[in-house]
Each structure stands twice: as C-alpha cells, then as structure tokens.
Amino acid sequence: MDRRRTDPESEGLARRLDKPMGVLGLFFVLVVLGQSLARDPRLVTTLTVLGWLCWAVFVAEFAFRAVTARDQRRFWRRNWWQVLFLALPFLRFARALSLLRAARVGGVVSAAVRGSRSAGRLLTGRIGWLAAVTGVVVLGTSQLLYVVGAYEVYGVALYDTALATVVGEPLSAGGQLARVLDVVLAVYSVAVFATLAGALGAYFLEGRRAADVPAPSSPGP
C-alpha cells in the first residue's frame, strides 16, 4: 500500500485518539492514587490490574504514534523522555526494596505527567486547563509525599499540598523532599495567580473594547 496514502489516515486516527487518551490519562491518576490508599486485598488487585491495563494502552498508543510518524527524528527528539516514564512501572518486578520504592515514586510521577498532558489534550481554554493541571499537581504531589513517608495520613498531605499549590503556604512536613517541593509549589502558585490575573485582565479588556464599539446606525427612511 502506498505510504503517502496511509499517512493521512494514521494521522487522523492519532488525532481522534487524543480525547479518549486524555480521559484515560486522568482516570489513570485516580487509579494510581487508589493503589496507594487501598487496603483491601481485592481492591488492591483490581486497581493494580486496571493500572497495568491503562499502561498497556499508553504503550500501544506511543508505539502507534512512533511507527506512523512521518519524521522519525523529530518524533524521537520531542518524545524520547516518554520512554523513561513508560519504563518506570516495570521496576515493580525488581526485588530490591529501594527499587520498589523508586517504582512507586516513578509511578506517581508518571501518572502526574500523563494527567497533565491529558488535561492539555482535553481542554483548550486557559482557565479550564489551568484548573485541571492544578488538580493533577495537587493529587500527584500529595501522593508523592504520602508514598515516601513524609505524611502518615493522606488527608493531611492533600490539605497541605492544596494550600501550598494555591496560596504558597509552606508544607508542614520535614525532610529534603518537602523543602524542594515547597519551592516548586511556591513558584507554581505564583504562575497560577499570574495566569489568572492575565486571563481576567484580558476578559475585562475585551468587554471594555466591545462596549466602546459604536452600534451600527440604522439606514434612514
């Protein structure tokens, strides 16, 4: 079959996959969160199976995009880092405790990155996109702090992370990771307020310009 004929078809299918994959990415964030919080063995098993199924879909989608990309060099130059996030969960098969801890942390980070990209696929409005990404940042960061043991109760981790992300309130947990995340979340909170201020300013400016435009005069008799 002619390669030039199949490329538009493949690209069209890849574009149609954007929204379903975006929804799956946000769902995956919740699945990974549930794996960290679940205690019932059957629920843990169910969530684990769901997580691996989601990951298999992500790998298949990435492989499809890689195979059908017209410019292979450009594709791998822009997406090589995704291979690292796709490979991290497989560290769970390692026996070393340190590698298992790294696998859990890597799974959380991978889910947060996937969720952020999914928000970008689903939402085009600046405010909606910012709200979705902020939610993913809060969930991912609080889960990361809980997984590494900075907080013993996830609810406290979620509350502190939300305050740090929205208003820049320092985290109550100690440790090097918490201090690093304090700085990261403080910078992020400034970016959030700057984006909101810019969006609101643009909204009111457009409203004022619309009010200043004279209404078209009606034709005379």
C-alpha atoms as a PDB file:
ATOM      1  CA  MET A   1       0.000   0.000   0.000  1.00  0.00           C
ATOM      2  CA  ASP A   2       1.170   3.462  -0.817  1.00  0.00           C
ATOM      3  CA  ARG A   3       2.861   5.060   2.206  1.00  0.00           C
ATOM      4  CA  ARG A   4       1.629   8.554   1.306  1.00  0.00           C
ATOM      5  CA  ARG A   5      -1.932   7.250   1.288  1.00  0.00           C
ATOM      6  CA  THR A   6      -1.741   5.668   4.717  1.00  0.00           C
ATOM      7  CA  ASP A   7      -0.060   8.620   6.454  1.00  0.00           C
ATOM      8  CA  PRO A   8      -3.143  10.916   6.459  1.00  0.00           C
ATOM      9  CA  GLU A   9      -5.264   8.002   7.704  1.00  0.00           C
ATOM     10  CA  SER A  10      -2.808   7.280  10.514  1.00  0.00           C
ATOM     11  CA  GLU A  11      -2.540  10.933  11.465  1.00  0.00           C
ATOM     12  CA  GLY A  12      -6.312  11.252  11.502  1.00  0.00           C
ATOM     13  CA  LEU A  13      -6.623   8.227  13.791  1.00  0.00           C
ATOM     14  CA  ALA A  14      -3.928   9.653  16.091  1.00  0.00           C
ATOM     15  CA  ARG A  15      -5.865  12.927  16.372  1.00  0.00           C
ATOM     16  CA  ARG A  16      -9.088  11.055  17.126  1.00  0.00           C
ATOM     17  CA  LEU A  17      -7.291   9.227  19.925  1.00  0.00           C
ATOM     18  CA  ASP A  18      -6.340  12.466  21.687  1.00  0.00           C
ATOM     19  CA  LYS A  19      -9.524  12.913  23.710  1.00  0.00           C
ATOM     20  CA  PRO A  20     -10.037   9.236  24.685  1.00  0.00           C
ATOM     21  CA  MET A  21      -6.401   9.023  25.732  1.00  0.00           C
ATOM     22  CA  GLY A  22      -6.793  12.270  27.654  1.00  0.00           C
ATOM     23  CA  VAL A  23      -9.717  10.849  29.611  1.00  0.00           C
ATOM     24  CA  LEU A  24      -7.771   7.645  30.233  1.00  0.00           C
ATOM     25  CA  GLY A  25      -4.795   9.653  31.481  1.00  0.00           C
ATOM     26  CA  LEU A  26      -6.889  11.478  34.073  1.00  0.00           C
ATOM     27  CA  PHE A  27      -8.518   8.186  35.088  1.00  0.00           C
ATOM     28  CA  PHE A  28      -5.041   6.689  35.498  1.00  0.00           C
ATOM     29  CA  VAL A  29      -4.129   9.408  38.013  1.00  0.00           C
ATOM     30  CA  LEU A  30      -7.052   8.300  40.186  1.00  0.00           C
ATOM     31  CA  VAL A  31      -6.156   4.615  39.789  1.00  0.00           C
ATOM     32  CA  VAL A  32      -2.588   5.209  40.958  1.00  0.00           C
ATOM     33  CA  LEU A  33      -3.917   7.242  43.878  1.00  0.00           C
ATOM     34  CA  GLY A  34      -6.272   4.424  44.774  1.00  0.00           C
ATOM     35  CA  GLN A  35      -3.421   1.916  44.720  1.00  0.00           C
ATOM     36  CA  SER A  36      -1.593   3.936  47.368  1.00  0.00           C
ATOM     37  CA  LEU A  37      -4.635   4.295  49.626  1.00  0.00           C
ATOM     38  CA  ALA A  38      -6.384   0.946  49.216  1.00  0.00           C
ATOM     39  CA  ARG A  39      -6.016  -1.633  51.978  1.00  0.00           C
ATOM     40  CA  ASP A  40      -8.477  -4.346  50.948  1.00  0.00           C
ATOM     41  CA  PRO A  41      -6.534  -7.057  49.028  1.00  0.00           C
ATOM     42  CA  ARG A  42      -9.257  -7.481  46.408  1.00  0.00           C
ATOM     43  CA  LEU A  43      -9.464  -3.742  45.777  1.00  0.00           C
ATOM     44  CA  VAL A  44      -5.674  -3.517  45.548  1.00  0.00           C
ATOM     45  CA  THR A  45      -5.654  -6.343  42.992  1.00  0.00           C
ATOM     46  CA  THR A  46      -8.437  -4.720  40.964  1.00  0.00           C
ATOM     47  CA  LEU A  47      -6.702  -1.356  40.905  1.00  0.00           C
ATOM     48  CA  THR A  48      -3.384  -2.984  40.017  1.00  0.00           C
ATOM     49  CA  VAL A  49      -4.956  -4.774  37.048  1.00  0.00           C
ATOM     50  CA  LEU A  50      -6.629  -1.537  35.932  1.00  0.00           C
ATOM     51  CA  GLY A  51      -3.323   0.293  36.240  1.00  0.00           C
ATOM     52  CA  TRP A  52      -1.489  -2.220  34.086  1.00  0.00           C
ATOM     53  CA  LEU A  53      -4.275  -2.208  31.502  1.00  0.00           C
ATOM     54  CA  CYS A  54      -4.061   1.587  31.283  1.00  0.00           C
ATOM     55  CA  TRP A  55      -0.307   1.378  30.961  1.00  0.00           C
ATOM     56  CA  ALA A  56      -0.596  -1.204  28.186  1.00  0.00           C
ATOM     57  CA  VAL A  57      -2.868   1.189  26.279  1.00  0.00           C
ATOM     58  CA  PHE A  58      -0.367   4.033  26.789  1.00  0.00           C
ATOM     59  CA  VAL A  59       2.475   1.874  25.463  1.00  0.00           C
ATOM     60  CA  ALA A  60       0.394   0.783  22.462  1.00  0.00           C
ATOM     61  CA  GLU A  61      -0.572   4.378  21.675  1.00  0.00           C
ATOM     62  CA  PHE A  62       3.031   5.556  21.912  1.00  0.00           C
ATOM     63  CA  ALA A  63       4.203   2.698  19.675  1.00  0.00           C
ATOM     64  CA  PHE A  64       1.484   3.535  17.138  1.00  0.00           C
ATOM     65  CA  ARG A  65       2.496   7.204  17.053  1.00  0.00           C
ATOM     66  CA  ALA A  66       6.167   6.236  16.732  1.00  0.00           C
ATOM     67  CA  VAL A  67       5.560   3.845  13.854  1.00  0.00           C
ATOM     68  CA  THR A  68       3.271   6.201  11.926  1.00  0.00           C
ATOM     69  CA  ALA A  69       5.296   9.381  12.465  1.00  0.00           C
ATOM     70  CA  ARG A  70       6.413  10.883   9.174  1.00  0.00           C
ATOM     71  CA  ASP A  71       9.545  12.468  10.612  1.00  0.00           C
ATOM     72  CA  GLN A  72      11.115   9.858  12.898  1.00  0.00           C
ATOM     73  CA  ARG A  73      13.958  12.094  14.021  1.00  0.00           C
ATOM     74  CA  ARG A  74      11.601  14.894  15.007  1.00  0.00           C
ATOM     75  CA  PHE A  75       9.284  12.486  16.811  1.00  0.00           C
ATOM     76  CA  TRP A  76      12.039  10.928  18.927  1.00  0.00           C
ATOM     77  CA  ARG A  77      13.666  14.284  19.588  1.00  0.00           C
ATOM     78  CA  ARG A  78      10.388  15.557  21.044  1.00  0.00           C
ATOM     79  CA  ASN A  79       9.173  12.375  22.779  1.00  0.00           C
ATOM     80  CA  TRP A  80      12.242  10.415  23.941  1.00  0.00           C
ATOM     81  CA  TRP A  81      11.545  11.330  27.561  1.00  0.00           C
ATOM     82  CA  GLN A  82       8.209   9.496  27.434  1.00  0.00           C
ATOM     83  CA  VAL A  83      10.086   6.201  27.109  1.00  0.00           C
ATOM     84  CA  LEU A  84      11.505   6.763  30.604  1.00  0.00           C
ATOM     85  CA  PHE A  85       8.050   7.264  32.114  1.00  0.00           C
ATOM     86  CA  LEU A  86       6.694   4.246  30.256  1.00  0.00           C
ATOM     87  CA  ALA A  87       9.529   2.081  31.587  1.00  0.00           C
ATOM     88  CA  LEU A  88       9.404   3.160  35.254  1.00  0.00           C
ATOM     89  CA  PRO A  89       6.460   0.972  36.340  1.00  0.00           C
ATOM     90  CA  PHE A  90       8.324  -2.169  35.260  1.00  0.00           C
ATOM     91  CA  LEU A  91      10.706  -1.611  38.183  1.00  0.00           C
ATOM     92  CA  ARG A  92       7.963  -3.174  40.301  1.00  0.00           C
ATOM     93  CA  PHE A  93       9.225  -6.573  39.203  1.00  0.00           C
ATOM     94  CA  ALA A  94      12.549  -5.854  40.936  1.00  0.00           C
ATOM     95  CA  ARG A  95      13.148  -7.458  44.325  1.00  0.00           C
ATOM     96  CA  ALA A  96      15.298  -4.771  45.873  1.00  0.00           C
ATOM     97  CA  LEU A  97      13.369  -2.610  48.339  1.00  0.00           C
ATOM     98  CA  SER A  98      14.998   0.577  47.096  1.00  0.00           C
ATOM     99  CA  LEU A  99      13.945  -0.221  43.539  1.00  0.00           C
ATOM    100  CA  LEU A 100      10.409  -0.956  44.696  1.00  0.00           C
ATOM    101  CA  ARG A 101      10.302   2.442  46.392  1.00  0.00           C
ATOM    102  CA  ALA A 102      11.653   4.025  43.206  1.00  0.00           C
ATOM    103  CA  ALA A 103       8.983   2.205  41.202  1.00  0.00           C
ATOM    104  CA  ARG A 104       6.194   3.584  43.402  1.00  0.00           C
ATOM    105  CA  VAL A 105       7.611   7.104  43.183  1.00  0.00           C
ATOM    106  CA  GLY A 106       8.107   6.721  39.447  1.00  0.00           C
ATOM    107  CA  GLY A 107       4.537   5.519  39.043  1.00  0.00           C
ATOM    108  CA  VAL A 108       3.213   8.586  40.847  1.00  0.00           C
ATOM    109  CA  VAL A 109       5.374  10.963  38.806  1.00  0.00           C
ATOM    110  CA  SER A 110       4.447   9.187  35.578  1.00  0.00           C
ATOM    111  CA  ALA A 111       0.753   9.409  36.406  1.00  0.00           C
ATOM    112  CA  ALA A 112       1.069  13.126  37.179  1.00  0.00           C
ATOM    113  CA  VAL A 113       2.875  13.802  33.900  1.00  0.00           C
ATOM    114  CA  ARG A 114       0.358  11.732  31.981  1.00  0.00           C
ATOM    115  CA  GLY A 115      -2.515  13.533  33.712  1.00  0.00           C
ATOM    116  CA  SER A 116      -1.080  16.955  32.915  1.00  0.00           C
ATOM    117  CA  ARG A 117      -0.683  16.063  29.256  1.00  0.00           C
ATOM    118  CA  SER A 118      -4.194  14.640  29.250  1.00  0.00           C
ATOM    119  CA  ALA A 119      -5.577  17.927  30.544  1.00  0.00           C
ATOM    120  CA  GLY A 120      -3.850  19.687  27.667  1.00  0.00           C
ATOM    121  CA  ARG A 121      -5.478  17.299  25.199  1.00  0.00           C
ATOM    122  CA  LEU A 122      -8.967  17.690  26.608  1.00  0.00           C
ATOM    123  CA  LEU A 123      -9.139  21.405  27.428  1.00  0.00           C
ATOM    124  CA  THR A 124      -8.318  24.332  25.194  1.00  0.00           C
ATOM    125  CA  GLY A 125      -9.499  27.169  27.456  1.00  0.00           C
ATOM    126  CA  ARG A 126      -6.748  28.666  29.595  1.00  0.00           C
ATOM    127  CA  ILE A 127      -8.729  28.716  32.858  1.00  0.00           C
ATOM    128  CA  GLY A 128     -10.103  25.199  32.454  1.00  0.00           C
ATOM    129  CA  TRP A 129      -6.693  23.830  31.511  1.00  0.00           C
ATOM    130  CA  LEU A 130      -5.060  25.565  34.472  1.00  0.00           C
ATOM    131  CA  ALA A 131      -7.685  24.213  36.888  1.00  0.00           C
ATOM    132  CA  ALA A 132      -7.239  20.664  35.587  1.00  0.00           C
ATOM    133  CA  VAL A 133      -3.447  20.799  35.702  1.00  0.00           C
ATOM    134  CA  THR A 134      -3.543  22.296  39.208  1.00  0.00           C
ATOM    135  CA  GLY A 135      -5.759  19.436  40.351  1.00  0.00           C
ATOM    136  CA  VAL A 136      -3.314  16.913  38.906  1.00  0.00           C
ATOM    137  CA  VAL A 137      -0.382  18.711  40.567  1.00  0.00           C
ATOM    138  CA  VAL A 138      -2.142  18.631  43.949  1.00  0.00           C
ATOM    139  CA  LEU A 139      -3.044  14.948  43.657  1.00  0.00           C
ATOM    140  CA  GLY A 140       0.365  13.917  42.342  1.00  0.00           C
ATOM    141  CA  THR A 141       2.413  15.901  44.860  1.00  0.00           C
ATOM    142  CA  SER A 142       0.305  14.861  47.857  1.00  0.00           C
ATOM    143  CA  GLN A 143       0.508  11.235  46.791  1.00  0.00           C
ATOM    144  CA  LEU A 144       4.275  11.502  46.322  1.00  0.00           C
ATOM    145  CA  LEU A 145       4.700  12.915  49.828  1.00  0.00           C
ATOM    146  CA  TYR A 146       2.494  10.165  51.226  1.00  0.00           C
ATOM    147  CA  VAL A 147       4.315   7.379  49.367  1.00  0.00           C
ATOM    148  CA  VAL A 148       7.762   8.465  50.583  1.00  0.00           C
ATOM    149  CA  GLY A 149       6.511   8.699  54.179  1.00  0.00           C
ATOM    150  CA  ALA A 150       6.596  12.465  54.662  1.00  0.00           C
ATOM    151  CA  TYR A 151       2.984  12.228  55.891  1.00  0.00           C
ATOM    152  CA  GLU A 152       1.368   9.355  57.744  1.00  0.00           C
ATOM    153  CA  VAL A 153      -2.180  10.408  56.787  1.00  0.00           C
ATOM    154  CA  TYR A 154      -3.012  11.130  53.175  1.00  0.00           C
ATOM    155  CA  GLY A 155      -5.719  13.651  54.054  1.00  0.00           C
ATOM    156  CA  VAL A 156      -3.151  15.874  55.771  1.00  0.00           C
ATOM    157  CA  ALA A 157      -0.817  15.565  52.793  1.00  0.00           C
ATOM    158  CA  LEU A 158      -3.638  16.524  50.434  1.00  0.00           C
ATOM    159  CA  TYR A 159      -4.650  19.533  52.562  1.00  0.00           C
ATOM    160  CA  ASP A 160      -1.098  20.867  52.929  1.00  0.00           C
ATOM    161  CA  THR A 161      -0.347  20.352  49.243  1.00  0.00           C
ATOM    162  CA  ALA A 162      -3.510  22.160  48.183  1.00  0.00           C
ATOM    163  CA  LEU A 163      -2.628  25.165  50.334  1.00  0.00           C
ATOM    164  CA  ALA A 164       0.964  25.168  49.078  1.00  0.00           C
ATOM    165  CA  THR A 165      -0.181  24.954  45.458  1.00  0.00           C
ATOM    166  CA  VAL A 166      -2.895  27.601  45.618  1.00  0.00           C
ATOM    167  CA  VAL A 167      -1.595  30.165  48.135  1.00  0.00           C
ATOM    168  CA  GLY A 168       2.054  29.180  48.612  1.00  0.00           C
ATOM    169  CA  GLU A 169       1.626  28.031  52.231  1.00  0.00           C
ATOM    170  CA  PRO A 170       4.732  26.025  53.321  1.00  0.00           C
ATOM    171  CA  LEU A 171       4.310  22.296  53.844  1.00  0.00           C
ATOM    172  CA  SER A 172       4.213  21.145  57.451  1.00  0.00           C
ATOM    173  CA  ALA A 173       6.281  18.024  56.694  1.00  0.00           C
ATOM    174  CA  GLY A 174      10.021  17.973  57.179  1.00  0.00           C
ATOM    175  CA  GLY A 175      12.715  16.424  55.031  1.00  0.00           C
ATOM    176  CA  GLN A 176      14.661  17.352  51.944  1.00  0.00           C
ATOM    177  CA  LEU A 177      11.916  16.376  49.504  1.00  0.00           C
ATOM    178  CA  ALA A 178       9.331  18.514  51.303  1.00  0.00           C
ATOM    179  CA  ARG A 179      11.649  21.536  51.210  1.00  0.00           C
ATOM    180  CA  VAL A 180      12.261  21.072  47.489  1.00  0.00           C
ATOM    181  CA  LEU A 181       8.543  20.719  46.823  1.00  0.00           C
ATOM    182  CA  ASP A 182       7.905  23.818  48.934  1.00  0.00           C
ATOM    183  CA  VAL A 183       9.933  25.873  46.487  1.00  0.00           C
ATOM    184  CA  VAL A 184       8.422  24.190  43.415  1.00  0.00           C
ATOM    185  CA  LEU A 185       4.844  24.665  44.612  1.00  0.00           C
ATOM    186  CA  ALA A 186       5.512  28.269  45.655  1.00  0.00           C
ATOM    187  CA  VAL A 187       6.760  29.051  42.157  1.00  0.00           C
ATOM    188  CA  TYR A 188       3.776  27.228  40.690  1.00  0.00           C
ATOM    189  CA  SER A 189       1.330  29.215  42.856  1.00  0.00           C
ATOM    190  CA  VAL A 190       2.836  32.459  41.557  1.00  0.00           C
ATOM    191  CA  ALA A 191       2.418  31.185  37.988  1.00  0.00           C
ATOM    192  CA  VAL A 192      -1.206  30.279  38.733  1.00  0.00           C
ATOM    193  CA  PHE A 193      -2.016  33.765  40.049  1.00  0.00           C
ATOM    194  CA  ALA A 194      -0.180  35.420  37.165  1.00  0.00           C
ATOM    195  CA  THR A 195      -2.127  33.340  34.643  1.00  0.00           C
ATOM    196  CA  LEU A 196      -5.438  34.062  36.364  1.00  0.00           C
ATOM    197  CA  ALA A 197      -4.660  37.780  36.542  1.00  0.00           C
ATOM    198  CA  GLY A 198      -3.750  37.833  32.858  1.00  0.00           C
ATOM    199  CA  ALA A 199      -6.899  35.933  31.876  1.00  0.00           C
ATOM    200  CA  LEU A 200      -9.167  38.191  33.943  1.00  0.00           C
ATOM    201  CA  GLY A 201      -7.443  41.311  32.621  1.00  0.00           C
ATOM    202  CA  ALA A 202      -7.892  40.123  29.038  1.00  0.00           C
ATOM    203  CA  TYR A 203     -11.567  39.329  29.724  1.00  0.00           C
ATOM    204  CA  PHE A 204     -12.363  42.789  31.123  1.00  0.00           C
ATOM    205  CA  LEU A 205     -10.320  44.486  28.406  1.00  0.00           C
ATOM    206  CA  GLU A 206     -12.263  42.688  25.705  1.00  0.00           C
ATOM    207  CA  GLY A 207     -15.516  43.631  27.439  1.00  0.00           C
ATOM    208  CA  ARG A 208     -14.486  47.301  27.524  1.00  0.00           C
ATOM    209  CA  ARG A 209     -13.470  47.273  23.881  1.00  0.00           C
ATOM    210  CA  ALA A 210     -16.804  45.710  22.944  1.00  0.00           C
ATOM    211  CA  ALA A 211     -18.642  48.418  24.897  1.00  0.00           C
ATOM    212  CA  ASP A 212     -16.651  51.183  23.155  1.00  0.00           C
ATOM    213  CA  VAL A 213     -17.519  49.944  19.664  1.00  0.00           C
ATOM    214  CA  PRO A 214     -20.406  52.090  18.373  1.00  0.00           C
ATOM    215  CA  ALA A 215     -23.534  50.279  17.341  1.00  0.00           C
ATOM    216  CA  PRO A 216     -24.198  50.306  13.572  1.00  0.00           C
ATOM    217  CA  SER A 217     -26.601  53.071  12.627  1.00  0.00           C
ATOM    218  CA  SER A 218     -29.875  52.102  11.078  1.00  0.00           C
ATOM    219  CA  PRO A 219     -30.475  53.237   7.494  1.00  0.00           C
ATOM    220  CA  GLY A 220     -32.638  56.307   7.069  1.00  0.00           C
ATOM    221  CA  PRO A 221     -36.119  56.227   5.612  1.00  0.00           C
END
